[in-house]
C-alpha atoms as a PDB file:
ATOM      1  CA  UNK A   1     -65.265-110.747  31.380  1.00  0.00           C
ATOM      2  CA  UNK A   2     -68.167-112.085  29.982  1.00  0.00           C
ATOM      3  CA  UNK A   3     -67.766-110.320  26.743  1.00  0.00           C
ATOM      4  CA  UNK A   4     -63.822-111.392  26.274  1.00  0.00           C
ATOM      5  CA  UNK A   5     -65.276-114.970  27.146  1.00  0.00           C
ATOM      6  CA  UNK A   6     -67.840-114.981  24.016  1.00  0.00           C
ATOM      7  CA  UNK A   7     -65.398-112.907  22.030  1.00  0.00           C
ATOM      8  CA  UNK A   8     -63.397-115.688  19.690  1.00  0.00           C
ATOM      9  CA  UNK A   9     -60.737-112.354  19.407  1.00  0.00           C
ATOM     10  CA  UNK A  10     -60.521-111.957  23.082  1.00  0.00           C
ATOM     11  CA  UNK A  11     -57.573-113.922  24.829  1.00  0.00           C
ATOM     12  CA  UNK A  12     -57.873-112.250  27.981  1.00  0.00           C
ATOM     13  CA  UNK A  13     -59.461-108.980  29.226  1.00  0.00           C
ATOM     14  CA  UNK A  14     -56.267-107.176  29.671  1.00  0.00           C
ATOM     15  CA  UNK A  15     -54.807-107.951  25.837  1.00  0.00           C
ATOM     16  CA  UNK A  16     -58.242-107.536  24.288  1.00  0.00           C
ATOM     17  CA  UNK A  17     -58.118-103.898  26.365  1.00  0.00           C
ATOM     18  CA  UNK A  18     -54.472-103.385  24.671  1.00  0.00           C
ATOM     19  CA  UNK A  19     -55.620-104.351  21.727  1.00  0.00           C
ATOM     20  CA  UNK A  20     -58.908-101.975  21.851  1.00  0.00           C
ATOM     21  CA  UNK A  21     -57.127 -98.880  23.203  1.00  0.00           C
ATOM     22  CA  UNK A  22     -54.322 -99.635  20.291  1.00  0.00           C
ATOM     23  CA  UNK A  23     -57.086 -99.678  17.569  1.00  0.00           C
ATOM     24  CA  UNK A  24     -58.563 -96.726  18.606  1.00  0.00           C
ATOM     25  CA  UNK A  25     -55.416 -94.130  19.428  1.00  0.00           C
ATOM     26  CA  UNK A  26     -55.806 -90.908  18.108  1.00  0.00           C
ATOM     27  CA  UNK A  27     -53.748 -91.477  15.415  1.00  0.00           C
ATOM     28  CA  UNK A  28     -54.856 -94.835  14.260  1.00  0.00           C
ATOM     29  CA  UNK A  29     -57.263 -95.480  11.591  1.00  0.00           C
ATOM     30  CA  UNK A  30     -60.714 -94.682  12.442  1.00  0.00           C
ATOM     31  CA  UNK A  31     -61.949 -97.776  10.397  1.00  0.00           C
ATOM     32  CA  UNK A  32     -59.574-100.140  12.065  1.00  0.00           C
ATOM     33  CA  UNK A  33     -60.986 -98.811  15.480  1.00  0.00           C
ATOM     34  CA  UNK A  34     -64.688 -99.329  14.617  1.00  0.00           C
ATOM     35  CA  UNK A  35     -63.665-102.827  13.438  1.00  0.00           C
ATOM     36  CA  UNK A  36     -62.191-103.349  16.767  1.00  0.00           C
ATOM     37  CA  UNK A  37     -65.235-101.893  19.011  1.00  0.00           C
ATOM     38  CA  UNK A  38     -67.425-104.194  17.226  1.00  0.00           C
ATOM     39  CA  UNK A  39     -65.517-107.325  18.502  1.00  0.00           C
ATOM     40  CA  UNK A  40     -66.652-105.985  22.073  1.00  0.00           C
ATOM     41  CA  UNK A  41     -69.987-107.420  21.967  1.00  0.00           C
ATOM     42  CA  UNK A  42     -71.004-105.986  25.196  1.00  0.00           C
ATOM     43  CA  UNK A  43     -69.705-102.614  25.013  1.00  0.00           C
ATOM     44  CA  UNK A  44     -67.771-103.138  28.249  1.00  0.00           C
ATOM     45  CA  UNK A  45     -64.520-102.116  27.354  1.00  0.00           C
ATOM     46  CA  UNK A  46     -65.317 -98.676  25.898  1.00  0.00           C
ATOM     47  CA  UNK A  47     -64.048 -95.847  27.880  1.00  0.00           C
ATOM     48  CA  UNK A  48     -63.916 -92.619  27.560  1.00  0.00           C
ATOM     49  CA  UNK A  49     -60.552 -92.177  26.180  1.00  0.00           C
ATOM     50  CA  UNK A  50     -61.289 -94.060  23.338  1.00  0.00           C
ATOM     51  CA  UNK A  51     -64.800 -92.005  22.673  1.00  0.00           C
ATOM     52  CA  UNK A  52     -62.661 -88.813  22.987  1.00  0.00           C
ATOM     53  CA  UNK A  53     -60.084 -90.149  20.364  1.00  0.00           C
ATOM     54  CA  UNK A  54     -63.324 -91.306  18.028  1.00  0.00           C
ATOM     55  CA  UNK A  55     -64.635 -87.700  18.375  1.00  0.00           C
ATOM     56  CA  UNK A  56     -61.091 -85.676  17.567  1.00  0.00           C
ATOM     57  CA  UNK A  57     -60.749 -88.193  14.555  1.00  0.00           C
ATOM     58  CA  UNK A  58     -64.124 -87.369  13.316  1.00  0.00           C
ATOM     59  CA  UNK A  59     -63.950 -83.578  13.913  1.00  0.00           C
ATOM     60  CA  UNK A  60     -60.373 -83.416  12.075  1.00  0.00           C
ATOM     61  CA  UNK A  61     -62.038 -85.192   9.213  1.00  0.00           C
ATOM     62  CA  UNK A  62     -65.227 -83.303   8.588  1.00  0.00           C
ATOM     63  CA  UNK A  63     -64.496 -79.891  10.812  1.00  0.00           C
ATOM     64  CA  UNK A  64     -61.005 -78.837  10.534  1.00  0.00           C
ATOM     65  CA  UNK A  65     -61.084 -79.991   6.840  1.00  0.00           C
ATOM     66  CA  UNK A  66     -64.298 -78.006   6.534  1.00  0.00           C
ATOM     67  CA  UNK A  67     -67.106 -79.932   5.301  1.00  0.00           C
ATOM     68  CA  UNK A  68     -70.660 -78.150   6.431  1.00  0.00           C
ATOM     69  CA  UNK A  69     -73.152 -80.698   6.319  1.00  0.00           C
ATOM     70  CA  UNK A  70     -70.667 -83.509   8.279  1.00  0.00           C
ATOM     71  CA  UNK A  71     -69.578 -80.923  10.551  1.00  0.00           C
ATOM     72  CA  UNK A  72     -73.114 -80.323  11.822  1.00  0.00           C
ATOM     73  CA  UNK A  73     -73.709 -84.033  12.335  1.00  0.00           C
ATOM     74  CA  UNK A  74     -70.609 -84.548  14.102  1.00  0.00           C
ATOM     75  CA  UNK A  75     -72.144 -81.437  16.596  1.00  0.00           C
ATOM     76  CA  UNK A  76     -75.367 -83.665  17.126  1.00  0.00           C
ATOM     77  CA  UNK A  77     -73.601 -86.842  17.063  1.00  0.00           C
ATOM     78  CA  UNK A  78     -70.666 -86.181  19.750  1.00  0.00           C
ATOM     79  CA  UNK A  79     -72.610 -83.543  21.234  1.00  0.00           C
ATOM     80  CA  UNK A  80     -70.441 -84.637  24.932  1.00  0.00           C
ATOM     81  CA  UNK A  81     -67.265 -84.189  23.356  1.00  0.00           C
ATOM     82  CA  UNK A  82     -64.667 -81.416  23.647  1.00  0.00           C
ATOM     83  CA  UNK A  83     -64.490 -80.554  20.302  1.00  0.00           C
ATOM     84  CA  UNK A  84     -68.233 -79.818  19.929  1.00  0.00           C
ATOM     85  CA  UNK A  85     -67.439 -76.162  21.065  1.00  0.00           C
ATOM     86  CA  UNK A  86     -64.648 -75.791  18.128  1.00  0.00           C
ATOM     87  CA  UNK A  87     -66.930 -77.279  15.344  1.00  0.00           C
ATOM     88  CA  UNK A  88     -69.924 -74.873  16.252  1.00  0.00           C
ATOM     89  CA  UNK A  89     -67.093 -72.047  16.110  1.00  0.00           C
ATOM     90  CA  UNK A  90     -65.665 -73.094  12.831  1.00  0.00           C
ATOM     91  CA  UNK A  91     -69.156 -72.711  11.547  1.00  0.00           C
ATOM     92  CA  UNK A  92     -70.071 -69.673  13.371  1.00  0.00           C
ATOM     93  CA  UNK A  93     -66.438 -68.409  11.805  1.00  0.00           C
ATOM     94  CA  UNK A  94     -68.129 -69.608   7.694  1.00  0.00           C
ATOM     95  CA  UNK A  95     -71.118 -67.461   8.756  1.00  0.00           C
ATOM     96  CA  UNK A  96     -69.936 -64.173   6.839  1.00  0.00           C
ATOM     97  CA  UNK A  97     -67.977 -66.247   3.760  1.00  0.00           C
ATOM     98  CA  UNK A  98     -71.617 -68.434   3.650  1.00  0.00           C
ATOM     99  CA  UNK A  99     -73.703 -64.906   3.765  1.00  0.00           C
ATOM    100  CA  UNK A 100     -71.368 -63.657   0.403  1.00  0.00           C
ATOM    101  CA  UNK A 101     -71.611 -66.866  -1.252  1.00  0.00           C
ATOM    102  CA  UNK A 102     -75.683 -66.558  -1.042  1.00  0.00           C
ATOM    103  CA  UNK A 103     -75.405 -63.083  -2.375  1.00  0.00           C
ATOM    104  CA  UNK A 104     -73.588 -64.271  -5.358  1.00  0.00           C
ATOM    105  CA  UNK A 105     -75.313 -67.404  -6.183  1.00  0.00           C
ATOM    106  CA  UNK A 106     -78.763 -65.928  -5.291  1.00  0.00           C
ATOM    107  CA  UNK A 107     -78.807 -62.278  -5.211  1.00  0.00           C
ATOM    108  CA  UNK A 108     -79.293 -60.492  -8.705  1.00  0.00           C
ATOM    109  CA  UNK A 109     -76.705 -61.676 -10.452  1.00  0.00           C
ATOM    110  CA  UNK A 110     -77.537 -65.456  -9.535  1.00  0.00           C
ATOM    111  CA  UNK A 111     -79.207 -68.175 -11.105  1.00  0.00           C
ATOM    112  CA  UNK A 112     -81.801 -70.347 -10.091  1.00  0.00           C
ATOM    113  CA  UNK A 113     -79.456 -73.590 -10.657  1.00  0.00           C
ATOM    114  CA  UNK A 114     -76.526 -71.915  -8.649  1.00  0.00           C
ATOM    115  CA  UNK A 115     -78.850 -71.056  -6.086  1.00  0.00           C
ATOM    116  CA  UNK A 116     -80.113 -74.108  -5.762  1.00  0.00           C
ATOM    117  CA  UNK A 117     -76.716 -76.023  -5.224  1.00  0.00           C
ATOM    118  CA  UNK A 118     -76.016 -73.645  -2.695  1.00  0.00           C
ATOM    119  CA  UNK A 119     -79.139 -74.479  -0.622  1.00  0.00           C
ATOM    120  CA  UNK A 120     -78.483 -77.917  -0.564  1.00  0.00           C
ATOM    121  CA  UNK A 121     -75.007 -77.438   0.199  1.00  0.00           C
ATOM    122  CA  UNK A 122     -75.082 -74.999   3.484  1.00  0.00           C
ATOM    123  CA  UNK A 123     -78.956 -76.379   4.310  1.00  0.00           C
ATOM    124  CA  UNK A 124     -80.544 -73.670   7.351  1.00  0.00           C
ATOM    125  CA  UNK A 125     -77.405 -71.635   6.868  1.00  0.00           C
ATOM    126  CA  UNK A 126     -79.927 -68.923   5.449  1.00  0.00           C
ATOM    127  CA  UNK A 127     -83.234 -68.389   7.007  1.00  0.00           C
ATOM    128  CA  UNK A 128     -85.938 -69.834   5.084  1.00  0.00           C
ATOM    129  CA  UNK A 129     -87.820 -66.898   4.371  1.00  0.00           C
ATOM    130  CA  UNK A 130     -84.947 -65.379   2.558  1.00  0.00           C
ATOM    131  CA  UNK A 131     -83.926 -68.179   0.608  1.00  0.00           C
ATOM    132  CA  UNK A 132     -87.879 -68.065  -0.516  1.00  0.00           C
ATOM    133  CA  UNK A 133     -87.495 -64.408  -1.394  1.00  0.00           C
ATOM    134  CA  UNK A 134     -84.455 -65.454  -3.555  1.00  0.00           C
ATOM    135  CA  UNK A 135     -86.106 -68.071  -5.721  1.00  0.00           C
ATOM    136  CA  UNK A 136     -89.211 -65.895  -5.925  1.00  0.00           C
ATOM    137  CA  UNK A 137     -86.804 -63.041  -7.337  1.00  0.00           C
ATOM    138  CA  UNK A 138     -84.892 -65.692  -9.322  1.00  0.00           C
ATOM    139  CA  UNK A 139     -87.825 -67.161 -11.075  1.00  0.00           C
ATOM    140  CA  UNK A 140     -89.314 -63.620 -12.012  1.00  0.00           C
ATOM    141  CA  UNK A 141     -90.069 -63.255 -15.651  1.00  0.00           C
ATOM    142  CA  UNK A 142     -89.493 -59.674 -15.396  1.00  0.00           C
ATOM    143  CA  UNK A 143     -89.220 -57.274 -12.545  1.00  0.00           C
ATOM    144  CA  UNK A 144     -91.354 -54.375 -10.551  1.00  0.00           C
ATOM    145  CA  UNK A 145     -90.413 -51.419  -9.645  1.00  0.00           C
ATOM    146  CA  UNK A 146     -91.950 -51.694  -6.344  1.00  0.00           C
ATOM    147  CA  UNK A 147     -89.714 -52.803  -3.349  1.00  0.00           C
ATOM    148  CA  UNK A 148     -90.599 -55.934  -1.615  1.00  0.00           C
ATOM    149  CA  UNK A 149     -92.959 -57.441  -4.207  1.00  0.00           C
ATOM    150  CA  UNK A 150     -92.336 -60.045  -6.463  1.00  0.00           C
ATOM    151  CA  UNK A 151     -93.774 -60.516 -10.068  1.00  0.00           C
ATOM    152  CA  UNK A 152     -95.630 -63.871 -10.680  1.00  0.00           C
ATOM    153  CA  UNK A 153     -96.678 -63.329 -14.260  1.00  0.00           C
ATOM    154  CA  UNK A 154     -95.620 -63.575 -17.610  1.00  0.00           C
ATOM    155  CA  UNK A 155     -96.481 -60.345 -19.866  1.00  0.00           C
ATOM    156  CA  UNK A 156     -93.447 -57.948 -19.872  1.00  0.00           C
ATOM    157  CA  UNK A 157     -92.230 -54.918 -21.566  1.00  0.00           C
ATOM    158  CA  UNK A 158     -88.745 -53.742 -21.630  1.00  0.00           C
ATOM    159  CA  UNK A 159     -87.929 -55.871 -18.321  1.00  0.00           C
ATOM    160  CA  UNK A 160     -90.565 -54.612 -16.369  1.00  0.00           C
ATOM    161  CA  UNK A 161     -94.335 -56.414 -15.829  1.00  0.00           C
ATOM    162  CA  UNK A 162     -96.736 -55.006 -18.030  1.00  0.00           C
ATOM    163  CA  UNK A 163    -100.061 -56.370 -18.416  1.00  0.00           C
ATOM    164  CA  UNK A 164    -102.037 -58.707 -16.172  1.00  0.00           C
ATOM    165  CA  UNK A 165    -100.568 -60.653 -13.628  1.00  0.00           C
ATOM    166  CA  UNK A 166    -100.061 -61.799 -10.104  1.00  0.00           C
ATOM    167  CA  UNK A 167     -97.478 -60.293  -7.507  1.00  0.00           C
ATOM    168  CA  UNK A 168     -96.540 -61.266  -3.937  1.00  0.00           C
ATOM    169  CA  UNK A 169     -95.305 -59.349  -1.045  1.00  0.00           C
ATOM    170  CA  UNK A 170     -94.041 -61.658   1.552  1.00  0.00           C
ATOM    171  CA  UNK A 171     -92.826 -59.926   4.372  1.00  0.00           C
ATOM    172  CA  UNK A 172     -95.931 -58.095   4.496  1.00  0.00           C
ATOM    173  CA  UNK A 173     -98.300 -61.215   3.948  1.00  0.00           C
ATOM    174  CA  UNK A 174     -99.552 -59.289   0.626  1.00  0.00           C
ATOM    175  CA  UNK A 175    -100.518 -60.462  -2.705  1.00  0.00           C
ATOM    176  CA  UNK A 176    -102.468 -58.834  -5.691  1.00  0.00           C
ATOM    177  CA  UNK A 177    -103.892 -59.894  -8.927  1.00  0.00           C
ATOM    178  CA  UNK A 178    -104.279 -57.449 -11.636  1.00  0.00           C
ATOM    179  CA  UNK A 179    -103.306 -54.754 -14.318  1.00  0.00           C
ATOM    180  CA  UNK A 180     -99.463 -53.652 -14.234  1.00  0.00           C
ATOM    181  CA  UNK A 181     -98.156 -50.627 -16.392  1.00  0.00           C
ATOM    182  CA  UNK A 182     -94.466 -50.412 -16.538  1.00  0.00           C
ATOM    183  CA  UNK A 183     -93.506 -52.363 -13.252  1.00  0.00           C
ATOM    184  CA  UNK A 184     -96.101 -50.682 -10.781  1.00  0.00           C
ATOM    185  CA  UNK A 185     -99.835 -52.024 -10.008  1.00  0.00           C
ATOM    186  CA  UNK A 186    -102.375 -49.829 -11.389  1.00  0.00           C
ATOM    187  CA  UNK A 187    -105.608 -51.712 -10.777  1.00  0.00           C
ATOM    188  CA  UNK A 188    -106.468 -55.048  -9.252  1.00  0.00           C
ATOM    189  CA  UNK A 189    -107.162 -56.759  -6.290  1.00  0.00           C
ATOM    190  CA  UNK A 190    -105.332 -56.413  -2.880  1.00  0.00           C
ATOM    191  CA  UNK A 191    -105.106 -59.265  -0.410  1.00  0.00           C
ATOM    192  CA  UNK A 192    -104.208 -59.749   2.968  1.00  0.00           C
ATOM    193  CA  UNK A 193    -102.990 -63.853   4.015  1.00  0.00           C
ATOM    194  CA  UNK A 194    -105.549 -64.928   0.471  1.00  0.00           C
ATOM    195  CA  UNK A 195    -108.396 -62.504   2.046  1.00  0.00           C
ATOM    196  CA  UNK A 196    -109.466 -59.471  -0.058  1.00  0.00           C
ATOM    197  CA  UNK A 197    -108.572 -56.264   1.358  1.00  0.00           C
ATOM    198  CA  UNK A 198    -109.051 -54.037  -1.434  1.00  0.00           C
ATOM    199  CA  UNK A 199    -110.388 -53.827  -5.241  1.00  0.00           C
ATOM    200  CA  UNK A 200    -109.641 -50.907  -7.156  1.00  0.00           C
ATOM    201  CA  UNK A 201    -106.928 -48.444  -8.614  1.00  0.00           C
ATOM    202  CA  UNK A 202    -103.532 -48.343  -7.444  1.00  0.00           C
ATOM    203  CA  UNK A 203    -101.104 -44.859  -7.254  1.00  0.00           C
ATOM    204  CA  UNK A 204     -97.508 -45.545  -6.590  1.00  0.00           C
ATOM    205  CA  UNK A 205     -98.585 -48.743  -4.742  1.00  0.00           C
ATOM    206  CA  UNK A 206    -101.307 -47.519  -3.051  1.00  0.00           C
ATOM    207  CA  UNK A 207    -104.981 -47.497  -2.846  1.00  0.00           C
ATOM    208  CA  UNK A 208    -106.676 -44.291  -4.775  1.00  0.00           C
ATOM    209  CA  UNK A 209    -109.782 -43.542  -5.580  1.00  0.00           C
ATOM    210  CA  UNK A 210    -113.307 -44.969  -5.400  1.00  0.00           C
ATOM    211  CA  UNK A 211    -113.339 -48.788  -5.172  1.00  0.00           C
ATOM    212  CA  UNK A 212    -114.330 -51.596  -3.002  1.00  0.00           C
ATOM    213  CA  UNK A 213    -112.925 -52.704   0.523  1.00  0.00           C
ATOM    214  CA  UNK A 214    -113.708 -55.695   2.737  1.00  0.00           C
ATOM    215  CA  UNK A 215    -114.528 -55.305   6.546  1.00  0.00           C
ATOM    216  CA  UNK A 216    -114.960 -58.516   8.333  1.00  0.00           C
ATOM    217  CA  UNK A 217    -115.089 -60.210   5.036  1.00  0.00           C
ATOM    218  CA  UNK A 218    -118.311 -58.029   3.639  1.00  0.00           C
ATOM    219  CA  UNK A 219    -117.420 -55.927   0.606  1.00  0.00           C
ATOM    220  CA  UNK A 220    -118.305 -52.026   0.892  1.00  0.00           C
ATOM    221  CA  UNK A 221    -118.019 -48.951  -1.069  1.00  0.00           C
ATOM    222  CA  UNK A 222    -114.723 -47.136   0.172  1.00  0.00           C
ATOM    223  CA  UNK A 223    -112.855 -44.354  -0.989  1.00  0.00           C
ATOM    224  CA  UNK A 224    -108.665 -43.729  -1.155  1.00  0.00           C
ATOM    225  CA  UNK A 225    -106.510 -40.643  -1.579  1.00  0.00           C
ATOM    226  CA  UNK A 226    -102.949 -41.877  -1.790  1.00  0.00           C
ATOM    227  CA  UNK A 227    -103.557 -44.844   0.566  1.00  0.00           C
ATOM    228  CA  UNK A 228    -105.437 -43.273   3.018  1.00  0.00           C
ATOM    229  CA  UNK A 229    -109.267 -43.819   3.308  1.00  0.00           C
ATOM    230  CA  UNK A 230    -111.385 -40.724   3.610  1.00  0.00           C
ATOM    231  CA  UNK A 231    -114.951 -42.257   2.642  1.00  0.00           C
ATOM    232  CA  UNK A 232    -117.780 -41.340   5.037  1.00  0.00           C
ATOM    233  CA  UNK A 233    -118.526 -44.889   6.189  1.00  0.00           C
ATOM    234  CA  UNK A 234    -114.922 -45.336   7.474  1.00  0.00           C
ATOM    235  CA  UNK A 235    -115.104 -41.593   9.050  1.00  0.00           C
ATOM    236  CA  UNK A 236    -118.220 -43.090  11.355  1.00  0.00           C
ATOM    237  CA  UNK A 237    -116.743 -45.952  12.284  1.00  0.00           C
ATOM    238  CA  UNK A 238    -113.138 -44.533  13.640  1.00  0.00           C
ATOM    239  CA  UNK A 239    -115.451 -41.804  15.579  1.00  0.00           C
ATOM    240  CA  UNK A 240    -117.101 -44.899  16.777  1.00  0.00           C
ATOM    241  CA  UNK A 241    -114.067 -46.934  18.141  1.00  0.00           C
ATOM    242  CA  UNK A 242    -112.469 -43.932  19.759  1.00  0.00           C
ATOM    243  CA  UNK A 243    -115.951 -42.962  21.545  1.00  0.00           C
ATOM    244  CA  UNK A 244    -115.739 -46.687  22.970  1.00  0.00           C
ATOM    245  CA  UNK A 245    -112.165 -46.633  24.038  1.00  0.00           C
ATOM    246  CA  UNK A 246    -113.233 -43.347  25.875  1.00  0.00           C
ATOM    247  CA  UNK A 247    -116.441 -44.861  27.566  1.00  0.00           C
ATOM    248  CA  UNK A 248    -114.094 -47.680  28.755  1.00  0.00           C
ATOM    249  CA  UNK A 249    -111.644 -45.549  29.919  1.00  0.00           C
ATOM    250  CA  UNK A 250    -114.572 -44.376  32.132  1.00  0.00           C
ATOM    251  CA  UNK A 251    -116.036 -47.552  33.053  1.00  0.00           C
ATOM    252  CA  UNK A 252    -112.309 -48.576  34.151  1.00  0.00           C
ATOM    253  CA  UNK A 253    -112.145 -45.385  36.336  1.00  0.00           C
ATOM    254  CA  UNK A 254    -115.658 -45.739  37.563  1.00  0.00           C
ATOM    255  CA  UNK A 255    -114.600 -49.402  38.828  1.00  0.00           C
ATOM    256  CA  UNK A 256    -111.286 -47.677  40.641  1.00  0.00           C
ATOM    257  CA  UNK A 257    -113.868 -45.372  42.542  1.00  0.00           C
ATOM    258  CA  UNK A 258    -116.158 -48.225  43.682  1.00  0.00           C
ATOM    259  CA  UNK A 259    -112.916 -50.226  44.926  1.00  0.00           C
ATOM    260  CA  UNK A 260    -111.731 -47.181  46.662  1.00  0.00           C
ATOM    261  CA  UNK A 261    -115.122 -46.621  48.349  1.00  0.00           C
ATOM    262  CA  UNK A 262    -116.330 -50.070  49.344  1.00  0.00           C
ATOM    263  CA  UNK A 263    -113.660 -49.924  52.413  1.00  0.00           C
ATOM    264  CA  UNK A 264    -115.537 -46.658  53.534  1.00  0.00           C
ATOM    265  CA  UNK A 265    -119.245 -48.157  53.376  1.00  0.00           C
ATOM    266  CA  UNK A 266    -118.147 -51.569  55.020  1.00  0.00           C
ATOM    267  CA  UNK A 267    -117.076 -49.515  57.702  1.00  0.00           C
ATOM    268  CA  UNK A 268    -120.237 -47.342  57.823  1.00  0.00           C
ATOM    269  CA  UNK A 269    -122.463 -50.822  57.809  1.00  0.00           C
ATOM    270  CA  UNK A 270    -120.334 -52.098  60.606  1.00  0.00           C
ATOM    271  CA  UNK A 271    -120.854 -49.531  62.658  1.00  0.00           C
ATOM    272  CA  UNK A 272    -124.877 -49.321  62.370  1.00  0.00           C
ATOM    273  CA  UNK A 273    -124.748 -52.821  63.165  1.00  0.00           C
ATOM    274  CA  UNK A 274    -122.705 -52.252  66.443  1.00  0.00           C
ATOM    275  CA  UNK A 275    -125.273 -49.069  67.613  1.00  0.00           C
ATOM    276  CA  UNK A 276    -128.474 -51.836  67.716  1.00  0.00           C
ATOM    277  CA  UNK A 277    -128.903 -52.060  70.970  1.00  0.00           C
ATOM    278  CA  UNK A 278    -132.211 -54.651  70.902  1.00  0.00           C
ATOM    279  CA  UNK A 279    -132.614 -56.380  67.999  1.00  0.00           C
ATOM    280  CA  UNK A 280    -135.845 -58.235  69.350  1.00  0.00           C
ATOM    281  CA  UNK A 281    -137.651 -54.869  69.972  1.00  0.00           C
ATOM    282  CA  UNK A 282    -137.585 -53.825  66.610  1.00  0.00           C
ATOM    283  CA  UNK A 283    -135.798 -51.095  65.058  1.00  0.00           C
ATOM    284  CA  UNK A 284    -133.660 -48.669  66.906  1.00  0.00           C
ATOM    285  CA  UNK A 285    -132.300 -45.132  66.623  1.00  0.00           C
ATOM    286  CA  UNK A 286    -128.801 -46.520  66.049  1.00  0.00           C
ATOM    287  CA  UNK A 287    -130.036 -48.783  63.461  1.00  0.00           C
ATOM    288  CA  UNK A 288    -131.685 -46.006  61.746  1.00  0.00           C
ATOM    289  CA  UNK A 289    -128.686 -43.580  61.823  1.00  0.00           C
ATOM    290  CA  UNK A 290    -126.536 -46.740  60.148  1.00  0.00           C
ATOM    291  CA  UNK A 291    -129.231 -47.021  57.659  1.00  0.00           C
ATOM    292  CA  UNK A 292    -128.877 -43.455  57.077  1.00  0.00           C
ATOM    293  CA  UNK A 293    -125.525 -42.972  57.146  1.00  0.00           C
ATOM    294  CA  UNK A 294    -124.700 -46.345  54.487  1.00  0.00           C
ATOM    295  CA  UNK A 295    -127.546 -44.420  52.061  1.00  0.00           C
ATOM    296  CA  UNK A 296    -125.681 -41.473  52.118  1.00  0.00           C
ATOM    297  CA  UNK A 297    -122.425 -43.032  51.422  1.00  0.00           C
ATOM    298  CA  UNK A 298    -124.042 -44.740  48.574  1.00  0.00           C
ATOM    299  CA  UNK A 299    -125.575 -41.496  47.222  1.00  0.00           C
ATOM    300  CA  UNK A 300    -121.788 -39.681  47.131  1.00  0.00           C
ATOM    301  CA  UNK A 301    -120.162 -43.099  45.447  1.00  0.00           C
ATOM    302  CA  UNK A 302    -123.014 -42.513  42.744  1.00  0.00           C
ATOM    303  CA  UNK A 303    -122.535 -38.597  42.677  1.00  0.00           C
ATOM    304  CA  UNK A 304    -119.073 -39.071  41.355  1.00  0.00           C
ATOM    305  CA  UNK A 305    -119.523 -41.745  39.292  1.00  0.00           C
ATOM    306  CA  UNK A 306    -122.100 -40.153  37.671  1.00  0.00           C
ATOM    307  CA  UNK A 307    -119.730 -36.562  37.487  1.00  0.00           C
ATOM    308  CA  UNK A 308    -116.637 -39.109  35.877  1.00  0.00           C
ATOM    309  CA  UNK A 309    -118.929 -40.817  33.502  1.00  0.00           C
ATOM    310  CA  UNK A 310    -120.336 -37.668  32.229  1.00  0.00           C
END
């Protein structure tokens, strides 16, 4: 009533409610509906049916007549609407077609401009890392023969990377700076997450021969054979690690034995204390027997620990 009284368009509550319902029917123009809603300055006449009609109108306009961005916005704006599940299903049904369009505009035969247009038209449809890989691929001046690697240099020969340049492998978080021959990395520095790992020659994309490795960010001389490290320093480090692992296993076993024996020792201690007949008269036979039993139990535990350790 307050809303109607303060509203110059409202003659009576009943008439305004009827007018609003008519303006916001499912078949009415959404602009007229919104215009009428603004007259309800306190928002007291808005009901579920009017809200539902508005959401149906918006759904038909942007989802049924498919507009990817606007349909996504509809889902956010009308998240309580019965049409939201239908809108989500429409987008879900579009995904296979979207993947096909992505391959067309951002794949091997695609172009940077068409790929950018696709990304603007269908934001968040394709995963970010896949889009970034697509642009890395499309921005290459020439190609590499190595799978997963993208060339960022400018020196080429017969369509392949040839000369000095850089390359990245985003799936493995690797990068490379150095020499390329016929589309392959042959000599240079390999980095992981921006930190140097190896500097030297490569064969078929893997370290091969004598080079410099980095352990805890410190350089050290190393040697590889077809991607497998074979120098003595590395072998010693592996042996030390294996020995440490065995020691850790033994320590874990020792701890388990201690826990198993602790109850027995506690019981023996309780028996020794019970055997005490007269604390004021000094040590008794019962105390000595209890102490002896505890000592033997402790020695037994230590023997087992010693045997387990060695």
